[in-house]
N, C-alpha and C. Protein backbone atom coordinates (compact mmCIF):
# COMPACT_ATOMS: atom_id res chain seq x y z
N MET A 1 -29.18 5.24 27.39
CA MET A 1 -28.31 6.30 27.78
C MET A 1 -27.07 6.44 26.80
N TRP A 2 -26.70 7.51 26.41
CA TRP A 2 -25.50 7.69 25.59
C TRP A 2 -24.24 7.90 26.55
N ARG A 3 -23.28 7.22 26.27
CA ARG A 3 -22.07 7.36 27.04
C ARG A 3 -21.04 7.76 26.01
N GLY A 4 -20.43 9.01 26.25
CA GLY A 4 -19.58 9.46 25.19
C GLY A 4 -18.28 9.99 26.02
N VAL A 5 -17.24 10.35 25.20
CA VAL A 5 -16.12 10.97 25.62
C VAL A 5 -15.70 12.20 24.76
N ALA A 6 -15.57 13.29 25.34
CA ALA A 6 -15.31 14.48 24.55
C ALA A 6 -13.82 14.80 24.78
N HIS A 7 -13.10 14.91 23.65
CA HIS A 7 -11.68 15.43 23.68
C HIS A 7 -11.55 16.81 23.37
N ILE A 8 -10.90 17.68 24.21
CA ILE A 8 -10.84 19.16 23.87
C ILE A 8 -9.26 19.35 24.00
N ARG A 9 -8.87 19.92 22.97
CA ARG A 9 -7.40 20.37 23.01
C ARG A 9 -7.49 21.95 23.09
N TRP A 10 -6.57 22.44 23.91
CA TRP A 10 -6.62 23.98 24.22
C TRP A 10 -5.44 24.45 23.42
N PHE A 11 -5.74 25.70 23.03
CA PHE A 11 -4.69 26.45 22.19
C PHE A 11 -4.58 27.85 22.64
N ALA A 12 -3.58 28.25 23.12
CA ALA A 12 -3.29 29.74 23.63
C ALA A 12 -2.05 30.34 23.19
N PRO A 13 -1.91 30.64 21.82
CA PRO A 13 -0.91 31.51 21.38
C PRO A 13 -0.89 32.82 21.85
N LEU A 14 0.42 33.42 22.12
CA LEU A 14 0.53 34.83 22.66
C LEU A 14 -0.16 35.79 21.84
N ALA A 15 -0.47 35.57 20.56
CA ALA A 15 -0.97 36.63 19.71
C ALA A 15 -2.54 36.89 19.99
N GLN A 16 -3.05 36.00 20.67
CA GLN A 16 -4.57 36.16 20.95
C GLN A 16 -4.73 36.96 22.10
N PRO A 17 -5.84 37.98 22.26
CA PRO A 17 -6.04 38.68 23.40
C PRO A 17 -6.40 37.82 24.56
N ALA A 18 -7.21 36.62 24.45
CA ALA A 18 -7.74 35.92 25.46
C ALA A 18 -6.36 35.15 26.16
N ALA A 19 -5.37 34.81 25.20
CA ALA A 19 -4.31 34.32 25.91
C ALA A 19 -3.50 35.22 26.69
N ARG A 20 -3.44 36.43 26.27
CA ARG A 20 -2.72 37.53 26.96
C ARG A 20 -3.36 37.81 28.32
N ALA A 21 -4.68 37.57 28.42
CA ALA A 21 -5.40 37.78 29.66
C ALA A 21 -5.41 36.68 30.55
N GLY A 22 -4.78 35.49 30.00
CA GLY A 22 -4.55 34.14 30.93
C GLY A 22 -5.63 33.18 30.58
N PHE A 23 -6.42 33.35 29.57
CA PHE A 23 -7.35 32.50 29.28
C PHE A 23 -6.97 31.65 27.92
N ALA A 24 -7.25 30.41 28.06
CA ALA A 24 -7.02 29.53 26.74
C ALA A 24 -8.20 29.53 25.96
N THR A 25 -8.16 29.16 24.67
CA THR A 25 -9.25 29.24 23.83
C THR A 25 -9.24 27.76 23.21
N PRO A 26 -10.46 27.21 23.06
CA PRO A 26 -10.45 25.75 22.49
C PRO A 26 -10.17 25.82 20.95
N LEU A 27 -9.25 24.99 20.53
CA LEU A 27 -8.93 24.76 19.14
C LEU A 27 -9.73 23.69 18.38
N LEU A 28 -9.92 22.63 19.15
CA LEU A 28 -10.55 21.48 18.40
C LEU A 28 -11.30 20.79 19.47
N VAL A 29 -12.67 20.46 19.13
CA VAL A 29 -13.35 19.49 19.93
C VAL A 29 -13.77 18.40 19.13
N SER A 30 -13.67 17.09 19.67
CA SER A 30 -13.99 15.95 18.94
C SER A 30 -14.76 15.06 19.83
N VAL A 31 -15.91 14.37 19.50
CA VAL A 31 -16.58 13.68 20.24
C VAL A 31 -16.83 12.32 19.65
N ARG A 32 -16.59 11.25 20.44
CA ARG A 32 -16.76 9.92 20.08
C ARG A 32 -17.51 9.04 21.00
N ALA A 33 -18.19 8.11 20.70
CA ALA A 33 -18.86 7.17 21.65
C ALA A 33 -17.97 6.44 22.30
N ALA A 34 -18.02 6.21 23.62
CA ALA A 34 -17.29 5.41 24.43
C ALA A 34 -17.50 4.02 24.14
N SER A 35 -16.50 3.14 23.79
CA SER A 35 -16.86 1.86 23.36
C SER A 35 -16.27 0.82 24.49
N THR A 36 -16.96 -0.28 24.52
CA THR A 36 -16.52 -1.26 25.40
C THR A 36 -15.66 -2.11 24.50
N ALA A 37 -14.40 -2.33 24.86
CA ALA A 37 -13.59 -3.15 24.00
C ALA A 37 -13.99 -4.69 24.33
N LEU A 38 -14.09 -5.41 23.15
CA LEU A 38 -14.32 -6.87 23.41
C LEU A 38 -13.01 -7.37 23.75
N PRO A 39 -13.17 -8.59 24.42
CA PRO A 39 -11.85 -9.38 24.42
C PRO A 39 -11.45 -9.73 23.07
N THR A 40 -10.24 -9.84 22.84
CA THR A 40 -9.48 -9.97 21.55
C THR A 40 -10.18 -11.39 20.88
N HIS A 41 -10.16 -12.24 21.59
CA HIS A 41 -10.64 -13.57 20.80
C HIS A 41 -12.11 -13.44 20.48
N LEU A 42 -12.97 -12.71 21.08
CA LEU A 42 -14.38 -12.58 20.61
C LEU A 42 -14.40 -11.49 19.25
N TYR A 43 -13.61 -10.56 19.41
CA TYR A 43 -13.55 -9.76 18.27
C TYR A 43 -13.04 -10.61 16.86
N THR A 44 -11.98 -11.37 17.23
CA THR A 44 -11.30 -12.24 16.16
C THR A 44 -12.33 -13.24 15.54
N ARG A 45 -13.12 -13.84 16.50
CA ARG A 45 -14.03 -14.75 16.11
C ARG A 45 -15.18 -14.20 15.19
N ALA A 46 -15.74 -13.04 15.57
CA ALA A 46 -16.78 -12.35 15.02
C ALA A 46 -16.30 -11.85 13.65
N ALA A 47 -15.16 -11.17 13.63
CA ALA A 47 -14.59 -10.48 12.34
C ALA A 47 -14.26 -11.52 11.43
N SER A 48 -13.63 -12.72 11.84
CA SER A 48 -13.34 -13.80 10.94
C SER A 48 -14.46 -14.41 10.32
N ARG A 49 -15.47 -14.76 11.18
CA ARG A 49 -16.83 -15.30 10.46
C ARG A 49 -17.59 -14.35 9.68
N THR A 50 -17.47 -13.12 9.81
CA THR A 50 -18.06 -12.09 9.02
C THR A 50 -17.37 -12.07 7.67
N LEU A 51 -16.12 -12.11 7.68
CA LEU A 51 -15.36 -12.11 6.49
C LEU A 51 -15.60 -13.37 5.65
N GLU A 52 -15.67 -14.43 6.43
CA GLU A 52 -15.84 -15.73 5.62
C GLU A 52 -17.26 -15.88 4.99
N HIS A 53 -18.28 -15.26 5.77
CA HIS A 53 -19.61 -15.25 5.26
C HIS A 53 -19.67 -14.25 3.95
N LEU A 54 -19.03 -13.09 4.11
CA LEU A 54 -19.04 -12.29 2.92
C LEU A 54 -18.44 -12.87 1.63
N GLN A 55 -17.27 -13.58 1.96
CA GLN A 55 -16.50 -14.23 0.82
C GLN A 55 -17.57 -15.32 0.23
N GLU A 56 -18.06 -16.13 1.04
CA GLU A 56 -18.94 -17.14 0.48
C GLU A 56 -20.02 -16.55 -0.35
N THR A 57 -20.65 -15.57 0.23
CA THR A 57 -21.74 -14.77 -0.42
C THR A 57 -21.33 -14.32 -1.82
N MET A 58 -20.16 -13.59 -1.76
CA MET A 58 -19.50 -13.04 -3.05
C MET A 58 -19.21 -14.09 -4.06
N GLU A 59 -18.60 -15.15 -3.61
CA GLU A 59 -18.23 -16.32 -4.56
C GLU A 59 -19.39 -16.86 -5.21
N THR A 60 -20.38 -16.99 -4.40
CA THR A 60 -21.75 -17.56 -5.10
C THR A 60 -22.24 -16.65 -6.09
N PHE A 61 -22.30 -15.32 -5.79
CA PHE A 61 -22.76 -14.34 -6.80
C PHE A 61 -21.81 -14.14 -7.89
N VAL A 62 -20.60 -14.24 -7.81
CA VAL A 62 -19.71 -14.16 -8.98
C VAL A 62 -19.82 -15.41 -9.75
N ASP A 63 -19.94 -16.57 -9.13
CA ASP A 63 -20.08 -17.72 -9.91
C ASP A 63 -21.53 -17.84 -10.75
N SER A 64 -22.41 -17.19 -10.23
CA SER A 64 -23.72 -17.29 -10.88
C SER A 64 -23.75 -16.20 -12.23
N ASN A 65 -22.79 -15.37 -12.06
CA ASN A 65 -22.62 -14.32 -13.18
C ASN A 65 -21.34 -14.63 -14.01
N GLU A 66 -21.29 -16.01 -14.56
CA GLU A 66 -20.07 -16.33 -15.32
C GLU A 66 -19.58 -15.50 -16.45
N ASN A 67 -18.32 -15.47 -16.65
CA ASN A 67 -17.81 -14.76 -17.78
C ASN A 67 -17.90 -13.34 -17.70
N ASP A 68 -18.26 -12.70 -16.61
CA ASP A 68 -18.23 -11.27 -16.65
C ASP A 68 -16.88 -10.61 -16.20
N GLY A 69 -15.90 -11.51 -15.79
CA GLY A 69 -14.59 -11.10 -15.32
C GLY A 69 -14.49 -10.56 -13.92
N SER A 70 -15.54 -10.73 -13.21
CA SER A 70 -15.34 -10.52 -11.74
C SER A 70 -14.59 -11.55 -10.88
N ASP A 71 -13.99 -11.11 -9.83
CA ASP A 71 -13.21 -11.98 -9.12
C ASP A 71 -13.36 -11.72 -7.52
N VAL A 72 -13.08 -12.88 -6.68
CA VAL A 72 -13.17 -12.71 -5.21
C VAL A 72 -11.80 -13.19 -4.75
N ASP A 73 -11.15 -12.39 -3.94
CA ASP A 73 -9.87 -12.96 -3.41
C ASP A 73 -9.91 -12.70 -1.90
N PHE A 74 -9.49 -13.68 -1.14
CA PHE A 74 -9.35 -13.54 0.39
C PHE A 74 -7.96 -13.95 0.75
N SER A 75 -7.27 -13.05 1.19
CA SER A 75 -5.87 -13.32 1.55
C SER A 75 -5.40 -12.47 2.87
N GLY A 76 -4.85 -13.09 3.75
CA GLY A 76 -4.38 -12.28 4.84
C GLY A 76 -5.38 -11.30 5.55
N ASP A 77 -6.66 -11.83 5.82
CA ASP A 77 -7.56 -10.85 6.52
C ASP A 77 -8.03 -9.75 5.61
N VAL A 78 -7.80 -9.96 4.26
CA VAL A 78 -8.23 -8.76 3.30
C VAL A 78 -8.99 -9.50 2.28
N LEU A 79 -10.38 -9.08 2.11
CA LEU A 79 -11.16 -9.63 1.18
C LEU A 79 -11.51 -8.64 0.13
N THR A 80 -11.20 -9.04 -1.18
CA THR A 80 -11.33 -8.16 -2.41
C THR A 80 -12.39 -8.65 -3.31
N LEU A 81 -13.29 -7.91 -3.72
CA LEU A 81 -14.24 -8.26 -4.78
C LEU A 81 -13.94 -7.21 -5.77
N THR A 82 -13.67 -7.73 -6.95
CA THR A 82 -13.35 -7.00 -8.26
C THR A 82 -14.57 -7.21 -9.11
N LEU A 83 -15.20 -6.22 -9.51
CA LEU A 83 -16.40 -6.35 -10.52
C LEU A 83 -15.78 -5.62 -11.85
N GLU A 84 -15.37 -6.47 -12.69
CA GLU A 84 -14.68 -6.08 -13.93
C GLU A 84 -15.38 -4.83 -14.58
N GLY A 85 -14.68 -3.82 -14.82
CA GLY A 85 -15.21 -2.58 -15.21
C GLY A 85 -16.04 -1.64 -14.52
N ARG A 86 -16.26 -2.14 -13.15
CA ARG A 86 -17.14 -1.43 -12.49
C ARG A 86 -16.64 -0.85 -11.05
N GLY A 87 -15.58 -1.65 -10.65
CA GLY A 87 -14.98 -1.16 -9.43
C GLY A 87 -14.59 -2.29 -8.43
N THR A 88 -13.93 -1.97 -7.51
CA THR A 88 -13.24 -2.93 -6.36
C THR A 88 -13.63 -2.54 -5.09
N PHE A 89 -14.15 -3.54 -4.39
CA PHE A 89 -14.56 -3.39 -2.88
C PHE A 89 -13.38 -4.10 -2.12
N VAL A 90 -12.77 -3.42 -1.03
CA VAL A 90 -11.84 -4.12 -0.22
C VAL A 90 -12.45 -4.11 1.20
N ILE A 91 -12.39 -5.13 1.82
CA ILE A 91 -12.99 -5.37 3.14
C ILE A 91 -11.84 -5.96 4.04
N ASN A 92 -11.48 -5.47 5.04
CA ASN A 92 -10.54 -6.03 5.97
C ASN A 92 -10.62 -5.70 7.59
N LYS A 93 -9.95 -6.68 8.31
CA LYS A 93 -10.11 -6.40 9.76
C LYS A 93 -9.17 -5.40 10.19
N GLN A 94 -9.62 -4.57 11.16
CA GLN A 94 -8.62 -3.62 11.69
C GLN A 94 -8.64 -3.96 13.31
N SER A 95 -7.79 -4.98 13.60
CA SER A 95 -7.72 -5.55 14.85
C SER A 95 -7.40 -4.53 16.02
N PRO A 96 -6.43 -3.50 15.83
CA PRO A 96 -6.16 -2.57 16.92
C PRO A 96 -7.44 -1.71 17.23
N ASN A 97 -8.34 -1.39 16.26
CA ASN A 97 -9.72 -0.77 16.57
C ASN A 97 -10.76 -1.66 16.76
N GLN A 98 -10.58 -2.88 16.57
CA GLN A 98 -11.64 -3.91 16.67
C GLN A 98 -12.89 -3.53 15.74
N GLN A 99 -12.45 -3.27 14.39
CA GLN A 99 -13.35 -2.77 13.45
C GLN A 99 -13.18 -3.62 12.24
N ILE A 100 -14.18 -3.43 11.34
CA ILE A 100 -14.00 -3.96 10.00
C ILE A 100 -14.07 -2.64 9.06
N TRP A 101 -13.11 -2.57 8.25
CA TRP A 101 -13.19 -1.34 7.22
C TRP A 101 -13.63 -1.92 5.88
N LEU A 102 -14.36 -1.05 5.15
CA LEU A 102 -14.75 -1.32 3.93
C LEU A 102 -14.41 -0.21 3.03
N SER A 103 -13.87 -0.48 1.72
CA SER A 103 -13.59 0.42 0.86
C SER A 103 -14.57 0.14 -0.38
N SER A 104 -15.39 1.06 -0.67
CA SER A 104 -16.41 0.80 -1.76
C SER A 104 -16.24 1.88 -2.87
N PRO A 105 -16.35 1.42 -4.13
CA PRO A 105 -16.23 2.57 -5.22
C PRO A 105 -17.37 3.45 -5.37
N LEU A 106 -18.50 3.08 -4.48
CA LEU A 106 -19.63 4.09 -4.49
C LEU A 106 -19.63 4.84 -3.20
N SER A 107 -19.70 3.98 -2.13
CA SER A 107 -19.66 4.69 -0.72
C SER A 107 -18.42 5.29 -0.20
N GLY A 108 -17.32 4.85 -0.77
CA GLY A 108 -16.11 5.43 -0.28
C GLY A 108 -15.47 4.55 0.98
N PRO A 109 -14.59 5.10 1.74
CA PRO A 109 -14.13 4.35 2.94
C PRO A 109 -15.02 4.39 4.06
N LEU A 110 -15.44 3.29 4.75
CA LEU A 110 -16.20 3.23 5.88
C LEU A 110 -15.61 2.19 6.89
N ARG A 111 -16.13 2.55 8.15
CA ARG A 111 -15.45 1.80 9.31
C ARG A 111 -16.79 1.20 10.10
N TYR A 112 -16.70 -0.03 10.39
CA TYR A 112 -17.88 -0.65 11.08
C TYR A 112 -17.38 -1.31 12.54
N ASP A 113 -18.22 -0.84 13.48
CA ASP A 113 -18.11 -1.54 14.78
C ASP A 113 -19.11 -2.51 15.16
N LEU A 114 -18.68 -3.56 15.80
CA LEU A 114 -19.61 -4.70 16.10
C LEU A 114 -20.61 -4.29 17.09
N ASP A 115 -21.89 -4.48 16.79
CA ASP A 115 -23.02 -4.20 17.78
C ASP A 115 -23.59 -5.51 18.38
N LEU A 116 -23.06 -5.93 19.53
CA LEU A 116 -23.42 -7.13 20.15
C LEU A 116 -25.01 -7.37 20.29
N ASN A 117 -25.76 -6.39 20.58
CA ASN A 117 -27.13 -6.46 20.68
C ASN A 117 -27.74 -6.83 19.37
N LYS A 118 -27.52 -6.31 18.22
CA LYS A 118 -28.03 -6.36 17.08
C LYS A 118 -27.34 -7.60 16.24
N LYS A 119 -26.10 -8.04 16.76
CA LYS A 119 -25.28 -8.97 16.08
C LYS A 119 -24.95 -8.68 14.54
N ASP A 120 -24.56 -7.35 14.59
CA ASP A 120 -24.19 -6.92 13.14
C ASP A 120 -23.18 -5.87 13.30
N TRP A 121 -22.40 -5.54 12.21
CA TRP A 121 -21.39 -4.59 12.22
C TRP A 121 -22.03 -3.38 11.53
N LEU A 122 -22.15 -2.32 12.39
CA LEU A 122 -22.67 -1.01 12.11
C LEU A 122 -21.75 0.08 11.75
N CYS A 123 -22.00 0.87 10.71
CA CYS A 123 -21.06 1.98 10.20
C CYS A 123 -20.99 3.03 11.34
N THR A 124 -19.80 3.48 11.54
CA THR A 124 -19.60 4.50 12.45
C THR A 124 -20.10 5.87 11.95
N ARG A 125 -20.28 6.02 10.66
CA ARG A 125 -20.76 7.32 10.09
C ARG A 125 -22.22 7.38 10.01
N ASP A 126 -22.89 6.22 9.41
CA ASP A 126 -24.21 6.57 9.30
C ASP A 126 -25.17 5.37 9.97
N GLY A 127 -24.52 4.46 10.64
CA GLY A 127 -25.41 3.55 11.38
C GLY A 127 -25.87 2.33 10.54
N ARG A 128 -25.59 2.29 9.22
CA ARG A 128 -26.05 1.14 8.41
C ARG A 128 -25.14 -0.12 8.47
N SER A 129 -25.83 -1.16 8.42
CA SER A 129 -24.93 -2.39 8.58
C SER A 129 -24.00 -2.53 7.42
N ILE A 130 -22.98 -3.32 7.61
CA ILE A 130 -22.12 -3.60 6.45
C ILE A 130 -22.77 -4.35 5.26
N GLY A 131 -23.72 -5.34 5.62
CA GLY A 131 -24.63 -5.87 4.74
C GLY A 131 -25.35 -5.05 3.93
N GLU A 132 -26.06 -4.09 4.44
CA GLU A 132 -26.91 -3.07 3.75
C GLU A 132 -26.07 -2.23 2.74
N THR A 133 -25.02 -1.78 3.14
CA THR A 133 -24.07 -1.01 2.30
C THR A 133 -23.55 -1.93 1.06
N LEU A 134 -23.17 -3.14 1.32
CA LEU A 134 -22.65 -3.99 0.22
C LEU A 134 -23.81 -4.28 -0.64
N GLU A 135 -24.93 -4.62 -0.06
CA GLU A 135 -26.17 -4.84 -1.05
C GLU A 135 -26.46 -3.68 -1.92
N LYS A 136 -26.45 -2.51 -1.26
CA LYS A 136 -26.97 -1.40 -1.93
C LYS A 136 -25.81 -1.12 -3.22
N ASP A 137 -24.62 -1.07 -2.84
CA ASP A 137 -23.61 -0.70 -3.73
C ASP A 137 -23.51 -1.68 -4.78
N ILE A 138 -23.31 -3.03 -4.37
CA ILE A 138 -23.18 -4.12 -5.48
C ILE A 138 -24.27 -4.16 -6.39
N SER A 139 -25.54 -4.14 -5.86
CA SER A 139 -26.67 -4.10 -6.66
C SER A 139 -26.74 -2.88 -7.65
N SER A 140 -26.30 -1.64 -7.29
CA SER A 140 -26.20 -0.52 -8.10
C SER A 140 -25.31 -0.68 -9.24
N LEU A 141 -24.19 -1.31 -9.06
CA LEU A 141 -23.13 -1.57 -9.99
C LEU A 141 -23.36 -2.66 -11.16
N VAL A 142 -24.14 -3.77 -10.49
CA VAL A 142 -24.38 -4.97 -11.44
C VAL A 142 -25.86 -4.98 -11.97
N GLY A 143 -26.68 -4.40 -11.32
CA GLY A 143 -28.07 -4.34 -11.77
C GLY A 143 -28.85 -5.69 -11.30
N LYS A 144 -28.16 -6.43 -10.24
CA LYS A 144 -28.84 -7.60 -9.87
C LYS A 144 -28.82 -7.59 -8.31
N PRO A 145 -29.97 -8.08 -7.62
CA PRO A 145 -30.00 -8.11 -6.17
C PRO A 145 -29.01 -9.11 -5.66
N ILE A 146 -28.39 -8.71 -4.39
CA ILE A 146 -27.61 -9.58 -3.76
C ILE A 146 -27.88 -9.45 -2.21
N ASN A 147 -27.79 -10.46 -1.35
CA ASN A 147 -28.21 -10.45 0.07
C ASN A 147 -27.04 -10.89 0.90
N PHE A 148 -26.59 -10.04 1.83
CA PHE A 148 -25.58 -10.37 2.75
C PHE A 148 -26.36 -10.40 4.15
N ASP A 149 -26.56 -11.50 4.77
CA ASP A 149 -27.14 -11.50 6.04
C ASP A 149 -26.16 -11.76 7.03
N VAL A 150 -25.43 -10.84 7.43
CA VAL A 150 -24.38 -10.96 8.50
C VAL A 150 -24.84 -11.33 9.79
N SER A 151 -25.90 -10.86 10.17
CA SER A 151 -26.34 -11.16 11.52
C SER A 151 -26.65 -12.73 11.64
N GLN A 152 -27.10 -13.24 10.53
CA GLN A 152 -27.24 -14.86 10.56
C GLN A 152 -25.92 -15.49 10.71
N ALA A 153 -24.98 -14.96 10.03
CA ALA A 153 -23.62 -15.70 10.21
C ALA A 153 -23.05 -15.37 11.65
N LEU A 154 -23.44 -14.31 12.33
CA LEU A 154 -22.88 -14.12 13.62
C LEU A 154 -23.64 -14.73 14.60
N GLU A 155 -24.86 -15.40 14.24
CA GLU A 155 -25.63 -16.22 15.21
C GLU A 155 -24.71 -17.50 15.52
N GLU A 156 -24.05 -17.81 14.41
CA GLU A 156 -23.25 -19.24 14.50
C GLU A 156 -22.00 -18.93 15.42
N VAL A 157 -21.75 -17.76 15.88
CA VAL A 157 -20.45 -17.57 16.66
C VAL A 157 -21.03 -17.32 18.07
N ASP A 158 -20.17 -17.91 19.05
CA ASP A 158 -20.40 -17.88 20.47
C ASP A 158 -19.62 -16.48 20.70
N LEU A 159 -20.44 -15.44 21.12
CA LEU A 159 -19.88 -14.10 21.49
C LEU A 159 -19.79 -13.95 22.93
N ASN A 160 -19.86 -14.97 23.62
CA ASN A 160 -19.96 -14.87 25.20
C ASN A 160 -18.61 -15.18 25.69
């Protein structure tokens, strides 16, 4: 069953006939899924382990492709993968939203919510996992396969 929240903002300028008749007209309607906020410590554990896993996988990948100028940096909850001459990926925690954000040179900016049932971070736009997006985008840029099994990394985290 889908649980959602609809936000409707009403706009009634005097110039509109409906407003003169006492009716308001809707200006903007946005719908978003209602999310159950995780306790902060669970979000922090899951997001930190995910970023550590992504860093480990990226470093192994970069080390196996020596001398191509690629680099991985993880500082202050921001993970950056620079593929020399091909683009930069930036992944970071967004604690207030309990999300992980990804900026990809191919897919653009994406936001991910933790799905506790699937034990994976799923994109709020297209439902793909963060691992799927990274695998597709990085493989497209470098011409070599890479595997990010985020759900396996989250199996190691106690999310209860």
